[in-house]
Protein backbone atom coordinates (compact mmCIF):
# COMPACT_ATOMS: atom_id res chain seq x y z
CA UNK A 1 0.00 0.00 0.00
CA UNK A 2 1.57 3.38 -1.00
CA UNK A 3 2.40 5.87 1.73
CA UNK A 4 0.39 9.12 1.91
CA UNK A 5 2.08 11.90 -0.05
CA UNK A 6 2.97 15.36 1.18
CA UNK A 7 1.49 17.99 -1.13
CA UNK A 8 3.10 21.44 -1.23
CA UNK A 9 2.23 23.76 -2.74
CA UNK A 10 -1.43 22.74 -2.78
CA UNK A 11 -2.95 23.86 -6.11
CA UNK A 12 -6.13 25.93 -6.10
CA UNK A 13 -8.03 23.19 -7.95
CA UNK A 14 -7.59 20.98 -4.86
CA UNK A 15 -9.34 23.59 -2.71
CA UNK A 16 -12.61 21.73 -2.23
CA UNK A 17 -11.03 18.36 -1.38
CA UNK A 18 -8.61 20.01 1.05
CA UNK A 19 -11.47 21.93 2.67
CA UNK A 20 -13.57 18.75 2.95
CA UNK A 21 -11.00 17.28 5.33
CA UNK A 22 -10.60 20.53 7.25
CA UNK A 23 -14.35 20.88 7.87
CA UNK A 24 -14.94 17.23 8.76
CA UNK A 25 -12.03 17.12 11.22
CA UNK A 26 -13.34 20.26 12.95
CA UNK A 27 -16.67 18.43 13.45
CA UNK A 28 -18.61 20.51 10.95
CA UNK A 29 -20.72 19.21 8.06
CA UNK A 30 -19.00 18.98 4.65
CA UNK A 31 -22.31 18.12 2.94
CA UNK A 32 -24.45 21.18 3.60
CA UNK A 33 -24.80 24.43 1.67
CA UNK A 34 -22.66 26.32 4.16
CA UNK A 35 -19.65 24.18 3.25
CA UNK A 36 -19.88 25.14 -0.42
CA UNK A 37 -19.90 28.83 0.53
CA UNK A 38 -16.97 28.33 2.88
CA UNK A 39 -14.93 26.48 0.25
CA UNK A 40 -15.64 29.22 -2.28
CA UNK A 41 -14.41 31.82 0.21
CA UNK A 42 -11.15 30.00 0.84
CA UNK A 43 -10.55 29.58 -2.89
CA UNK A 44 -10.72 33.34 -3.46
CA UNK A 45 -7.85 33.84 -1.03
CA UNK A 46 -5.90 30.68 -1.87
CA UNK A 47 -2.11 30.94 -1.75
CA UNK A 48 -0.64 27.60 -2.94
CA UNK A 49 2.86 28.29 -1.57
CA UNK A 50 1.42 28.83 1.92
CA UNK A 51 -0.74 25.70 1.90
CA UNK A 52 0.28 22.14 2.82
CA UNK A 53 -1.54 18.82 2.91
CA UNK A 54 -1.20 15.05 2.98
CA UNK A 55 -3.14 12.97 0.47
CA UNK A 56 -3.96 9.28 0.79
CA UNK A 57 -5.83 7.27 -1.84
CA UNK A 58 -6.75 10.45 -3.66
CA UNK A 59 -8.22 12.16 -0.57
CA UNK A 60 -6.64 14.78 1.67
CA UNK A 61 -6.10 13.52 5.21
CA UNK A 62 -4.17 16.48 6.69
CA UNK A 63 -4.22 20.23 6.11
CA UNK A 64 -2.25 23.34 7.09
CA UNK A 65 -2.10 26.89 5.80
CA UNK A 66 -0.50 30.19 6.80
CA UNK A 67 -1.44 33.79 6.15
CA UNK A 68 0.46 37.06 5.92
CA UNK A 69 -1.07 39.22 8.68
CA UNK A 70 -0.20 42.36 10.61
CA UNK A 71 -0.23 42.36 14.41
CA UNK A 72 -0.41 45.35 16.73
CA UNK A 73 2.46 45.31 19.24
CA UNK A 74 3.22 47.68 22.14
CA UNK A 75 4.18 51.21 21.15
CA UNK A 76 5.03 54.41 23.02
CA UNK A 77 2.71 55.83 25.71
CA UNK A 78 0.00 53.21 25.28
CA UNK A 79 -0.08 53.42 21.49
CA UNK A 80 0.77 50.46 19.24
CA UNK A 81 2.96 49.63 16.31
CA UNK A 82 2.42 47.04 13.59
CA UNK A 83 4.49 43.98 12.80
CA UNK A 84 4.11 41.64 9.83
CA UNK A 85 3.65 38.09 11.14
CA UNK A 86 3.10 34.54 9.98
CA UNK A 87 -0.41 33.35 10.97
CA UNK A 88 -1.00 29.61 11.20
CA UNK A 89 -4.49 28.35 10.38
CA UNK A 90 -6.48 25.41 9.02
CA UNK A 91 -4.39 22.78 10.83
CA UNK A 92 -6.00 19.33 10.88
CA UNK A 93 -5.10 15.67 10.74
CA UNK A 94 -7.93 13.23 10.06
CA UNK A 95 -8.60 10.82 12.96
CA UNK A 96 -7.73 7.94 10.62
CA UNK A 97 -4.17 9.23 10.22
CA UNK A 98 -3.14 10.53 13.62
CA UNK A 99 0.27 9.99 15.22
CA UNK A 100 2.11 9.37 11.97
CA UNK A 101 4.17 12.56 12.00
CA UNK A 102 2.15 14.44 9.38
CA UNK A 103 1.49 17.45 11.63
CA UNK A 104 5.16 17.65 12.60
CA UNK A 105 6.27 17.59 8.98
CA UNK A 106 3.80 20.25 7.80
CA UNK A 107 4.22 22.55 10.78
CA UNK A 108 7.97 22.19 10.71
CA UNK A 109 7.96 23.14 7.04
CA UNK A 110 5.69 26.14 7.62
CA UNK A 111 7.83 27.46 10.50
CA UNK A 112 11.00 27.02 8.45
CA UNK A 113 9.38 28.91 5.57
CA UNK A 114 8.32 31.73 7.92
CA UNK A 115 11.82 31.96 9.37
CA UNK A 116 13.37 32.06 5.90
CA UNK A 117 10.92 34.79 4.85
CA UNK A 118 12.18 36.88 7.74
CA UNK A 119 9.01 36.80 9.85
CA UNK A 120 9.89 37.77 13.42
CA UNK A 121 7.13 35.64 14.89
CA UNK A 122 4.30 33.24 14.10
CA UNK A 123 0.83 33.33 15.67
CA UNK A 124 -2.10 30.93 15.97
CA UNK A 125 -5.36 30.19 17.76
CA UNK A 126 -4.93 26.73 19.27
CA UNK A 127 -7.73 24.14 19.11
CA UNK A 128 -6.02 22.14 21.88
CA UNK A 129 -3.47 23.34 24.44
CA UNK A 130 -0.87 20.49 24.44
CA UNK A 131 -0.32 20.26 20.69
CA UNK A 132 1.53 23.45 19.84
CA UNK A 133 3.88 23.88 22.79
CA UNK A 134 6.30 21.37 21.31
CA UNK A 135 6.66 23.66 18.30
CA UNK A 136 7.40 26.64 20.55
CA UNK A 137 4.04 28.41 20.57
CA UNK A 138 2.94 29.95 23.87
CA UNK A 139 -0.18 31.73 25.06
CA UNK A 140 0.19 35.49 24.75
CA UNK A 141 -3.35 36.93 25.00
CA UNK A 142 -6.58 35.71 26.64
CA UNK A 143 -10.15 36.52 25.71
CA UNK A 144 -13.18 36.74 27.98
CA UNK A 145 -16.85 36.00 27.49
CA UNK A 146 -19.31 38.25 29.33
CA UNK A 147 -23.03 38.30 29.98
CA UNK A 148 -24.56 41.72 30.54
CA UNK A 149 -27.86 42.07 32.45
CA UNK A 150 -29.08 45.60 31.64
CA UNK A 151 -32.36 45.31 33.57
CA UNK A 152 -30.65 45.11 36.94
CA UNK A 153 -30.75 48.30 39.02
CA UNK A 154 -27.84 50.65 38.26
CA UNK A 155 -26.80 48.48 35.31
CA UNK A 156 -26.98 51.01 32.48
CA UNK A 157 -25.39 54.25 31.43
CA UNK A 158 -27.25 57.41 30.53
CA UNK A 159 -28.54 57.32 26.93
CA UNK A 160 -26.20 58.37 24.12
CA UNK A 161 -26.77 61.74 22.46
CA UNK A 162 -29.73 61.73 20.10
CA UNK A 163 -28.72 60.75 16.60
CA UNK A 164 -25.23 59.58 17.54
CA UNK A 165 -26.11 55.90 16.97
CA UNK A 166 -27.99 54.87 13.84
CA UNK A 167 -28.80 51.65 12.03
CA UNK A 168 -27.15 50.83 8.69
CA UNK A 169 -27.31 48.09 6.08
CA UNK A 170 -24.18 45.97 5.54
CA UNK A 171 -23.68 47.47 2.08
CA UNK A 172 -23.31 50.91 3.70
CA UNK A 173 -20.39 49.71 5.82
CA UNK A 174 -18.01 48.91 2.97
CA UNK A 175 -15.97 52.07 3.55
CA UNK A 176 -16.93 52.82 7.15
CA UNK A 177 -16.17 49.56 8.98
CA UNK A 178 -12.58 49.03 7.71
CA UNK A 179 -11.54 52.57 8.64
CA UNK A 180 -13.16 52.50 12.08
CA UNK A 181 -11.74 49.06 12.88
CA UNK A 182 -8.25 50.09 11.76
CA UNK A 183 -8.39 53.04 14.15
CA UNK A 184 -9.89 50.97 16.97
CA UNK A 185 -7.38 48.11 16.76
CA UNK A 186 -4.49 50.53 17.18
CA UNK A 187 -5.55 50.99 20.81
CA UNK A 188 -4.40 47.54 21.98
CA UNK A 189 -1.57 45.14 21.33
CA UNK A 190 -2.60 41.73 20.02
CA UNK A 191 -5.03 42.88 17.34
CA UNK A 192 -4.59 41.51 13.82
CA UNK A 193 -5.62 43.30 10.65
CA UNK A 194 -8.82 42.84 8.64
CA UNK A 195 -7.40 43.92 5.31
CA UNK A 196 -8.03 42.71 1.78
CA UNK A 197 -11.09 40.49 1.44
CA UNK A 198 -11.93 40.37 5.14
CA UNK A 199 -14.69 42.97 5.21
CA UNK A 200 -16.38 41.94 1.95
CA UNK A 201 -16.60 38.41 3.38
CA UNK A 202 -17.96 39.66 6.70
CA UNK A 203 -20.55 41.95 5.13
CA UNK A 204 -21.55 39.74 2.22
CA UNK A 205 -20.26 42.15 -0.44
CA UNK A 206 -18.41 41.74 -3.76
CA UNK A 207 -20.04 38.41 -4.51
CA UNK A 208 -19.51 36.83 -1.09
CA UNK A 209 -22.55 35.02 0.24
CA UNK A 210 -23.25 35.16 4.00
CA UNK A 211 -22.50 31.86 5.74
CA UNK A 212 -25.35 32.00 8.23
CA UNK A 213 -29.05 32.58 7.75
CA UNK A 214 -29.15 34.56 11.00
CA UNK A 215 -27.61 37.88 9.99
CA UNK A 216 -26.71 40.59 12.48
CA UNK A 217 -28.22 44.04 12.71
CA UNK A 218 -25.58 46.73 12.25
CA UNK A 219 -25.22 50.15 13.90
CA UNK A 220 -22.74 53.01 13.54
CA UNK A 221 -21.73 55.63 16.08
CA UNK A 222 -21.16 59.11 14.68
CA UNK A 223 -18.66 61.34 16.45
CA UNK A 224 -17.67 64.97 15.79
CA UNK A 225 -15.29 63.86 13.03
CA UNK A 226 -17.50 61.16 11.50
CA UNK A 227 -18.09 57.45 12.17
CA UNK A 228 -15.99 56.16 15.07
CA UNK A 229 -17.79 53.06 16.33
CA UNK A 230 -19.51 49.96 14.96
CA UNK A 231 -21.87 47.52 16.69
CA UNK A 232 -23.68 44.43 15.42
CA UNK A 233 -25.94 41.96 17.22
CA UNK A 234 -28.45 39.20 16.56
CA UNK A 235 -31.34 37.86 18.59
CA UNK A 236 -30.88 34.59 20.49
CA UNK A 237 -34.24 34.53 22.30
CA UNK A 238 -37.49 36.32 21.58
CA UNK A 239 -39.46 38.15 24.25
CA UNK A 240 -42.82 36.76 25.39
CA UNK A 241 -46.14 38.27 26.44
CA UNK A 242 -45.77 36.44 29.76
CA UNK A 243 -43.27 39.10 30.71
CA UNK A 244 -40.11 37.14 29.94
CA UNK A 245 -37.74 39.39 28.03
CA UNK A 246 -35.51 38.46 25.14
CA UNK A 247 -31.76 38.01 24.66
CA UNK A 248 -29.19 39.05 22.07
CA UNK A 249 -25.60 38.20 21.23
CA UNK A 250 -23.07 40.83 20.14
CA UNK A 251 -21.29 39.96 16.89
CA UNK A 252 -19.11 43.06 16.51
CA UNK A 253 -18.21 45.88 18.88
CA UNK A 254 -15.32 48.24 18.23
CA UNK A 255 -14.82 51.90 18.93
CA UNK A 256 -12.10 54.34 17.94
CA UNK A 257 -12.90 56.87 20.69
CA UNK A 258 -13.83 56.81 24.36
CA UNK A 259 -17.14 58.55 23.64
CA UNK A 260 -18.08 56.00 20.96
CA UNK A 261 -17.24 53.16 23.36
CA UNK A 262 -19.38 54.62 26.14
CA UNK A 263 -22.28 55.53 23.86
CA UNK A 264 -22.45 52.10 22.25
CA UNK A 265 -22.57 50.46 25.68
CA UNK A 266 -25.32 52.89 26.67
CA UNK A 267 -27.20 52.05 23.49
CA UNK A 268 -26.86 48.31 24.15
CA UNK A 269 -28.21 48.66 27.68
CA UNK A 270 -31.19 50.67 26.47
CA UNK A 271 -32.55 48.29 23.84
CA UNK A 272 -36.18 47.48 24.61
CA UNK A 273 -37.45 43.99 25.59
CA UNK A 274 -33.92 42.70 26.25
CA UNK A 275 -32.72 41.36 29.60
CA UNK A 276 -29.59 39.44 28.63
CA UNK A 277 -26.72 40.30 26.30
CA UNK A 278 -23.82 37.93 25.58
CA UNK A 279 -20.42 39.07 24.35
CA UNK A 280 -18.27 36.08 23.49
CA UNK A 281 -14.83 37.60 22.93
CA UNK A 282 -13.85 40.74 24.82
CA UNK A 283 -10.71 41.96 26.63
CA UNK A 284 -9.95 40.74 30.13
CA UNK A 285 -9.94 44.34 31.39
CA UNK A 286 -13.20 45.51 29.77
CA UNK A 287 -13.33 49.24 30.68
CA UNK A 288 -17.13 49.51 30.94
CA UNK A 289 -17.16 47.79 34.31
CA UNK A 290 -15.72 51.01 35.80
CA UNK A 291 -18.47 53.08 34.18
CA UNK A 292 -21.39 51.07 35.60
CA UNK A 293 -22.72 51.85 39.06
CA UNK A 294 -23.27 48.11 39.48
CA UNK A 295 -20.41 46.36 37.72
CA UNK A 296 -21.86 42.96 38.70
CA UNK A 297 -24.39 43.48 35.94
CA UNK A 298 -21.49 42.50 33.65
CA UNK A 299 -20.61 38.91 34.54
CA UNK A 300 -17.62 36.92 33.34
CA UNK A 301 -18.93 33.69 31.86
CA UNK A 302 -15.61 32.27 30.71
CA UNK A 303 -11.97 33.14 30.16
CA UNK A 304 -10.08 31.36 27.42
CA UNK A 305 -6.69 31.29 25.78
CA UNK A 306 -6.81 32.86 22.32
CA UNK A 307 -3.69 34.27 20.70
CA UNK A 308 -0.50 32.17 20.81
CA UNK A 309 2.94 33.42 19.75
CA UNK A 310 6.15 31.74 18.62
CA UNK A 311 9.29 33.91 18.36
CA UNK A 312 11.33 33.21 15.24
CA UNK A 313 13.77 36.13 15.35
CA UNK A 314 14.40 37.50 18.85
CA UNK A 315 16.41 40.62 17.86
CA UNK A 316 13.82 41.63 15.24
CA UNK A 317 10.83 40.97 17.51
CA UNK A 318 12.21 42.72 20.60
CA UNK A 319 13.54 45.67 18.60
CA UNK A 320 10.14 46.20 16.94
CA UNK A 321 8.10 46.97 20.07
CA UNK A 322 8.38 49.77 22.62
CA UNK A 323 8.70 49.31 26.39
CA UNK A 324 6.93 50.82 29.38
CA UNK A 325 10.17 51.63 31.16
CA UNK A 326 13.70 52.28 29.93
CA UNK A 327 16.16 49.57 30.80
CA UNK A 328 18.76 47.06 29.73
CA UNK A 329 18.59 43.28 30.13
CA UNK A 330 20.80 40.47 28.83
CA UNK A 331 18.74 37.37 28.03
CA UNK A 332 19.97 33.82 27.56
CA UNK A 333 17.09 32.43 25.47
CA UNK A 334 16.65 28.67 25.50
CA UNK A 335 14.73 27.25 22.54
CA UNK A 336 14.61 23.47 22.51
CA UNK A 337 11.48 23.25 20.33
CA UNK A 338 11.40 22.65 16.58
CA UNK A 339 14.02 24.67 14.74
CA UNK A 340 15.54 26.30 17.80
CA UNK A 341 15.06 29.58 15.92
CA UNK A 342 15.13 31.82 19.00
CA UNK A 343 18.08 30.32 20.86
CA UNK A 344 20.94 32.63 21.75
CA UNK A 345 22.15 35.39 24.04
CA UNK A 346 20.77 38.84 23.42
CA UNK A 347 20.97 42.26 24.99
CA UNK A 348 17.83 44.41 24.96
CA UNK A 349 18.34 48.15 25.42
CA UNK A 350 15.24 50.36 25.61
CA UNK A 351 14.78 54.10 25.96
CA UNK A 352 11.48 55.94 26.36
CA UNK A 353 10.92 55.86 22.61
CA UNK A 354 13.24 53.30 20.99
CA UNK A 355 14.60 49.80 21.54
CA UNK A 356 17.44 47.76 20.15
CA UNK A 357 18.08 44.05 20.62
CA UNK A 358 21.28 42.41 19.39
CA UNK A 359 23.31 39.27 19.93
CA UNK A 360 25.92 39.50 22.67
CA UNK A 361 28.55 37.52 24.52
CA UNK A 362 27.99 39.40 27.79
CA UNK A 363 27.08 37.39 30.90
CA UNK A 364 23.36 36.66 30.96
CA UNK A 365 21.11 38.27 33.60
CA UNK A 366 18.03 36.16 32.82
CA UNK A 367 17.80 32.66 31.39
CA UNK A 368 14.37 32.28 29.80
CA UNK A 369 12.69 29.78 27.56
CA UNK A 370 11.50 31.09 24.21
CA UNK A 371 7.95 30.20 25.28
CA UNK A 372 8.16 32.39 28.39
CA UNK A 373 9.47 35.30 26.36
CA UNK A 374 6.74 34.77 23.74
CA UNK A 375 4.06 34.88 26.46
CA UNK A 376 5.47 38.16 27.79
CA UNK A 377 5.98 39.71 24.37
CA UNK A 378 2.60 41.50 24.08
CA UNK A 379 2.53 42.48 27.76
CA UNK A 380 -0.19 40.08 28.85
CA UNK A 381 1.79 37.81 31.15
CA UNK A 382 4.81 38.52 33.39
CA UNK A 383 7.99 36.50 33.34
CA UNK A 384 7.93 36.18 37.11
CA UNK A 385 6.43 32.98 38.47
CA UNK A 386 7.30 30.76 35.53
CA UNK A 387 9.50 27.73 35.96
CA UNK A 388 11.14 28.47 32.63
CA UNK A 389 12.75 31.68 33.93
CA UNK A 390 15.95 31.80 35.97
CA UNK A 391 17.24 35.07 37.41
CA UNK A 392 21.03 35.15 37.13
CA UNK A 393 21.55 38.75 38.31
CA UNK A 394 19.62 40.35 41.21
CA UNK A 395 16.89 42.72 40.03
CA UNK A 396 16.92 41.58 36.41
CA UNK A 397 13.50 39.91 36.60
CA UNK A 398 11.79 42.93 38.16
CA UNK A 399 13.43 45.19 35.59
CA UNK A 400 12.36 43.01 32.67
CA UNK A 401 8.75 42.72 33.84
CA UNK A 402 8.54 46.51 34.29
CA UNK A 403 9.77 46.95 30.73
CA UNK A 404 7.42 44.41 29.10
CA UNK A 405 4.16 45.33 30.86
CA UNK A 406 1.53 47.35 28.98
CA UNK A 407 -1.21 49.76 30.16
CA UNK A 408 -3.95 47.58 28.65
CA UNK A 409 -4.08 43.80 28.38
CA UNK A 410 -3.43 42.51 24.87
CA UNK A 411 -6.52 41.30 23.06
CA UNK A 412 -7.29 39.78 19.66
CA UNK A 413 -10.91 40.01 18.50
CA UNK A 414 -10.37 38.55 15.04
CA UNK A 415 -10.18 34.86 14.34
CA UNK A 416 -8.01 33.48 11.56
């Protein structure tokens, strides 16, 4: 019996067969109408050189793809900068072909390609925690699910100014949403771009068909200088004449100004016949809780790991971001995972506005695993308290954590 073959690049004409395996392995249905729409979407953005697969008996049994994305990273005084990154997605191995090394081969090839391209880091959203650590990925940003109960006493904000929030059709958002989101995402590290075909897919424009029958209702917030906030929600439970009120789920919520953020929360809390609002992916430090007189009206329903990072070029990655405090630290970075791309000794020197990281032969002050450094990179998790960090010079750990922390927790609200 012939061995399964590694296919790379995967040609665009194989799109549907490749997607069939991806969808089935992720426990979705490859036989319904939604699958055909999904496959058509992927084909429009297909990049053969960034797509891998294994094929057995004419059918794909493993899949992997990467994307060229831009990630916001910490900047000066709470602002952000952008860094081009390798984004790993569509990773599956059919249950009939597990534990044969196919994932290791594909992922190893994709990381090597990213390193050779000069990408400073690779990112992913992990389906399962244990799988990706052995390739060097580490959790760098959490997400939180909230439930908001606006009918509780002291649970809402005063109404937004008349006319500041208005309903729009998706076709009206073609120019508005991308600009507002681009401005909004610059306020936090961890946000990835929605460039190219992202918004036409989301809004069902330019020939893209919506994936779901239940389509959200869209609203825009208008500030003094034009649109600066976007909100979308759909109903999850109707209200009843018995007195039981309805429920909605928020699909999109982003604001490029403090006033837009506050007004959209006020608008949400004031929607008639609603007693429960779910928000599935929000930052861990959601600011609205400090605006509500009763912050318990906003309840954390779950906290989950979302954005994972793998450093591929330590000098490039650490030189790209800014730091909350000036300082100098010599790191001995241990990278025993695939490729060992981040291993070495490096000195990081940061001022109030600039940073430079280079290789060095100086004595190390901190010995850290690449995974620990990747977790700390966006400012979401300190180095202190991890078993993979060894302080070799007194005060080095405190200094490093002060440098890497950020005013706001990193957050990624865009799946990939």
